[in-house]
Amino acid sequence: MYDHIPRLWKSWLLLIVGCGILLTGTLYSYWPIYLLGGLTISLAILETILLFARSRIDFYQAITALADKLKDLSPSQYSALGIAFPTLRIRFEGEPLQYIEDTDIQKSELTQFLDGSGLQQTMPERNWISAGGRRDRYFAILRWLEENRWIYENSAAGNHSWLWRGSGVPGNLERMYLRQVMEF
């Protein structure tokens, strides 16, 4: 099914030969040579079009085969696929993956952090602790936010909260890591 490799060099060689034949026809002014050169060039163009169409069909067949393979995966295989490619955000018969990317930050912790944050600054440390969060988890979230450039480094604003890199950051974080889930 996938054994076809487009070989455009054959088409190009045929095109060069056709141009050579046409050039010969102009030198000798003989109409059958014109006809042969024109047919050769049109055959080269047709072959090029057919090669591109065939490669496009192979692409669609490969996508269809991938979709068929994904359809038959078990929940544990979906989980492995979701861990290997976290940007897919795969849900498998129930709950989505519970951790953010390759960290140990749980989605529930990030949700709680974003709920307590404002548009300009992150959730203050004392609010996090009074809400029942642990101090080490708070600083793990801050470290992850700094590494991914969601907050400014060393930008303690007031009561131990940090400044976002724009007012749309909390919504973007929620959309990217908490709400968007791809279902199969």
Foldseek 3Di string as FASTA:
>chain_A
DPPDDQDLVVLVVLLVVLVVLCVVCVVVVDVVSVVVSVVSNVVSVVSVVVSVVVVVVVVVVVVVVVVVVVVPDAQVVQVVVCLVPVQQQADHPDDTDQDFHPDPQGPVLLVVFLVQQALFKTHAQVVCVVVPHDNVNVVVVVVVCVVVQQFDPPQQDPRRITTGPGSCSSVVCCCRGPPDHDYD
